[in-house]
Amino acid sequence: MREMLELLEAKIKELEKENEVLKRQTFSYEEYARLQKRLKDLQRRHSEFWGIILNPSIPSLNPVGPMLSSALPPGPEVSFYLFQEEQLQKELSLLRKRLEELETTQRKQLQDLGPSRE
């Protein structure tokens, strides 16, 4: 009987510890709703951001660029323009790289938030 009593007491302690762990891991409904709202807001902002970046209706940064280089004779203005164009291309390349890194980071954060519990 003593052995059974000790086993039952050990089982009760084990269950109490499991219960404590579960209480610490669960969220209240308010916390869950707040996290859901934040997730939806982040997803909306992410979509808007990429919509702006990838929107084809936005005109190119300098639509007269090709016409300028062929219409003007070579000179300091053209070389300065080509230098600016090269700088712009480098900046765009860096921006694309940063955006890809940001997307990767945001995807990781989205995964860290866990699956949707809707």
C-alpha atoms as a PDB file:
ATOM      1  CA  MET A   1       0.000   0.000   0.000  1.00  0.00           C
ATOM      2  CA  ARG A   2       2.863   2.367   0.817  1.00  0.00           C
ATOM      3  CA  GLU A   3       4.450   1.743  -2.552  1.00  0.00           C
ATOM      4  CA  MET A   4       1.144   2.442  -4.280  1.00  0.00           C
ATOM      5  CA  LEU A   5       0.704   5.609  -2.237  1.00  0.00           C
ATOM      6  CA  GLU A   6       4.225   6.771  -3.140  1.00  0.00           C
ATOM      7  CA  LEU A   7       3.602   6.015  -6.829  1.00  0.00           C
ATOM      8  CA  LEU A   8       0.338   7.946  -6.748  1.00  0.00           C
ATOM      9  CA  GLU A   9       1.975  10.899  -5.015  1.00  0.00           C
ATOM     10  CA  ALA A  10       4.776  10.895  -7.583  1.00  0.00           C
ATOM     11  CA  LYS A  11       2.211  10.746 -10.381  1.00  0.00           C
ATOM     12  CA  ILE A  12       0.291  13.666  -8.834  1.00  0.00           C
ATOM     13  CA  LYS A  13       3.500  15.727  -8.620  1.00  0.00           C
ATOM     14  CA  GLU A  14       4.344  14.879 -12.209  1.00  0.00           C
ATOM     15  CA  LEU A  15       0.878  15.910 -13.375  1.00  0.00           C
ATOM     16  CA  GLU A  16       1.062  19.150 -11.389  1.00  0.00           C
ATOM     17  CA  LYS A  17       4.380  20.025 -13.053  1.00  0.00           C
ATOM     18  CA  GLU A  18       2.956  19.250 -16.488  1.00  0.00           C
ATOM     19  CA  ASN A  19      -0.022  21.459 -15.668  1.00  0.00           C
ATOM     20  CA  GLU A  20       2.300  24.332 -14.675  1.00  0.00           C
ATOM     21  CA  VAL A  21       4.229  24.003 -17.926  1.00  0.00           C
ATOM     22  CA  LEU A  22       1.011  23.999 -19.945  1.00  0.00           C
ATOM     23  CA  LYS A  23      -0.259  27.074 -18.128  1.00  0.00           C
ATOM     24  CA  ARG A  24       2.932  28.939 -18.994  1.00  0.00           C
ATOM     25  CA  GLN A  25       2.732  27.934 -22.655  1.00  0.00           C
ATOM     26  CA  THR A  26      -0.881  28.846 -23.316  1.00  0.00           C
ATOM     27  CA  PHE A  27      -2.139  32.287 -24.236  1.00  0.00           C
ATOM     28  CA  SER A  28      -5.220  34.007 -23.034  1.00  0.00           C
ATOM     29  CA  TYR A  29      -7.879  34.727 -25.644  1.00  0.00           C
ATOM     30  CA  GLU A  30      -6.994  38.428 -25.497  1.00  0.00           C
ATOM     31  CA  GLU A  31      -3.313  37.691 -26.116  1.00  0.00           C
ATOM     32  CA  TYR A  32      -4.213  35.357 -28.975  1.00  0.00           C
ATOM     33  CA  ALA A  33      -6.510  37.968 -30.539  1.00  0.00           C
ATOM     34  CA  ARG A  34      -3.810  40.631 -30.186  1.00  0.00           C
ATOM     35  CA  LEU A  35      -1.214  38.384 -31.844  1.00  0.00           C
ATOM     36  CA  GLN A  36      -3.660  37.481 -34.652  1.00  0.00           C
ATOM     37  CA  LYS A  37      -4.368  41.170 -35.275  1.00  0.00           C
ATOM     38  CA  ARG A  38      -0.645  41.951 -35.303  1.00  0.00           C
ATOM     39  CA  LEU A  39       0.045  39.079 -37.698  1.00  0.00           C
ATOM     40  CA  LYS A  40      -2.692  40.233 -40.087  1.00  0.00           C
ATOM     41  CA  ASP A  41      -1.376  43.800 -39.932  1.00  0.00           C
ATOM     42  CA  LEU A  42       2.167  42.626 -40.692  1.00  0.00           C
ATOM     43  CA  GLN A  43       0.905  40.499 -43.576  1.00  0.00           C
ATOM     44  CA  ARG A  44      -1.097  43.445 -44.957  1.00  0.00           C
ATOM     45  CA  ARG A  45       1.887  45.784 -44.664  1.00  0.00           C
ATOM     46  CA  HIS A  46       4.134  43.198 -46.291  1.00  0.00           C
ATOM     47  CA  SER A  47       1.693  42.822 -49.191  1.00  0.00           C
ATOM     48  CA  GLU A  48       1.392  46.588 -49.611  1.00  0.00           C
ATOM     49  CA  PHE A  49       5.170  46.937 -49.540  1.00  0.00           C
ATOM     50  CA  TRP A  50       5.693  44.328 -52.250  1.00  0.00           C
ATOM     51  CA  GLY A  51       2.780  45.749 -54.222  1.00  0.00           C
ATOM     52  CA  ILE A  52       4.506  49.112 -54.312  1.00  0.00           C
ATOM     53  CA  ILE A  53       7.890  47.607 -55.159  1.00  0.00           C
ATOM     54  CA  LEU A  54       6.628  45.266 -57.860  1.00  0.00           C
ATOM     55  CA  ASN A  55       3.824  47.411 -59.304  1.00  0.00           C
ATOM     56  CA  PRO A  56       4.386  47.564 -63.055  1.00  0.00           C
ATOM     57  CA  SER A  57       2.191  50.658 -63.448  1.00  0.00           C
ATOM     58  CA  ILE A  58       4.839  52.821 -61.807  1.00  0.00           C
ATOM     59  CA  PRO A  59       6.870  54.486 -64.584  1.00  0.00           C
ATOM     60  CA  SER A  60      10.553  53.714 -64.780  1.00  0.00           C
ATOM     61  CA  LEU A  61      12.893  55.972 -62.866  1.00  0.00           C
ATOM     62  CA  ASN A  62      14.201  57.753 -65.949  1.00  0.00           C
ATOM     63  CA  PRO A  63      12.282  56.929 -69.130  1.00  0.00           C
ATOM     64  CA  VAL A  64      14.366  59.279 -71.288  1.00  0.00           C
ATOM     65  CA  GLY A  65      17.619  57.521 -70.411  1.00  0.00           C
ATOM     66  CA  PRO A  66      18.084  55.489 -73.605  1.00  0.00           C
ATOM     67  CA  MET A  67      16.985  58.417 -75.772  1.00  0.00           C
ATOM     68  CA  LEU A  68      19.417  60.750 -74.021  1.00  0.00           C
ATOM     69  CA  SER A  69      22.479  58.616 -74.640  1.00  0.00           C
ATOM     70  CA  SER A  70      21.695  58.159 -78.345  1.00  0.00           C
ATOM     71  CA  ALA A  71      20.458  61.717 -79.001  1.00  0.00           C
ATOM     72  CA  LEU A  72      23.310  63.673 -77.445  1.00  0.00           C
ATOM     73  CA  PRO A  73      26.853  63.744 -78.713  1.00  0.00           C
ATOM     74  CA  PRO A  74      29.438  62.317 -76.344  1.00  0.00           C
ATOM     75  CA  GLY A  75      30.583  64.852 -73.837  1.00  0.00           C
ATOM     76  CA  PRO A  76      30.768  65.625 -70.122  1.00  0.00           C
ATOM     77  CA  GLU A  77      26.970  65.702 -69.760  1.00  0.00           C
ATOM     78  CA  VAL A  78      26.573  62.223 -71.203  1.00  0.00           C
ATOM     79  CA  SER A  79      29.435  60.761 -69.196  1.00  0.00           C
ATOM     80  CA  PHE A  80      27.987  62.339 -66.057  1.00  0.00           C
ATOM     81  CA  TYR A  81      24.591  60.878 -66.940  1.00  0.00           C
ATOM     82  CA  LEU A  82      26.143  57.443 -67.521  1.00  0.00           C
ATOM     83  CA  PHE A  83      27.941  57.725 -64.190  1.00  0.00           C
ATOM     84  CA  GLN A  84      24.646  58.593 -62.476  1.00  0.00           C
ATOM     85  CA  GLU A  85      22.929  55.722 -64.273  1.00  0.00           C
ATOM     86  CA  GLU A  86      25.646  53.311 -63.119  1.00  0.00           C
ATOM     87  CA  GLN A  87      25.317  54.559 -59.546  1.00  0.00           C
ATOM     88  CA  LEU A  88      21.551  54.152 -59.753  1.00  0.00           C
ATOM     89  CA  GLN A  89      21.909  50.581 -61.006  1.00  0.00           C
ATOM     90  CA  LYS A  90      24.276  49.778 -58.123  1.00  0.00           C
ATOM     91  CA  GLU A  91      21.849  51.282 -55.623  1.00  0.00           C
ATOM     92  CA  LEU A  92      18.959  49.343 -57.153  1.00  0.00           C
ATOM     93  CA  SER A  93      20.984  46.159 -56.955  1.00  0.00           C
ATOM     94  CA  LEU A  94      21.746  46.788 -53.288  1.00  0.00           C
ATOM     95  CA  LEU A  95      18.103  47.621 -52.661  1.00  0.00           C
ATOM     96  CA  ARG A  96      16.971  44.368 -54.289  1.00  0.00           C
ATOM     97  CA  LYS A  97      19.422  42.436 -52.137  1.00  0.00           C
ATOM     98  CA  ARG A  98      18.207  44.177 -48.980  1.00  0.00           C
ATOM     99  CA  LEU A  99      14.589  43.536 -49.945  1.00  0.00           C
ATOM    100  CA  GLU A 100      15.301  39.847 -50.478  1.00  0.00           C
ATOM    101  CA  GLU A 101      16.991  39.701 -47.074  1.00  0.00           C
ATOM    102  CA  LEU A 102      14.019  41.505 -45.531  1.00  0.00           C
ATOM    103  CA  GLU A 103      11.611  39.078 -47.159  1.00  0.00           C
ATOM    104  CA  THR A 104      13.610  36.144 -45.831  1.00  0.00           C
ATOM    105  CA  THR A 105      13.622  37.666 -42.351  1.00  0.00           C
ATOM    106  CA  GLN A 106       9.886  38.359 -42.481  1.00  0.00           C
ATOM    107  CA  ARG A 107       9.150  34.818 -43.644  1.00  0.00           C
ATOM    108  CA  LYS A 108      11.218  33.480 -40.742  1.00  0.00           C
ATOM    109  CA  GLN A 109       9.379  35.734 -38.294  1.00  0.00           C
ATOM    110  CA  LEU A 110       6.076  34.597 -39.745  1.00  0.00           C
ATOM    111  CA  GLN A 111       7.109  30.971 -39.276  1.00  0.00           C
ATOM    112  CA  ASP A 112       8.243  31.740 -35.717  1.00  0.00           C
ATOM    113  CA  LEU A 113       4.766  33.068 -34.927  1.00  0.00           C
ATOM    114  CA  GLY A 114       3.480  29.606 -35.731  1.00  0.00           C
ATOM    115  CA  PRO A 115       0.598  28.337 -37.772  1.00  0.00           C
ATOM    116  CA  SER A 116      -2.601  30.326 -37.932  1.00  0.00           C
ATOM    117  CA  ARG A 117      -5.211  29.186 -35.395  1.00  0.00           C
ATOM    118  CA  GLU A 118      -8.254  30.613 -37.143  1.00  0.00           C
END
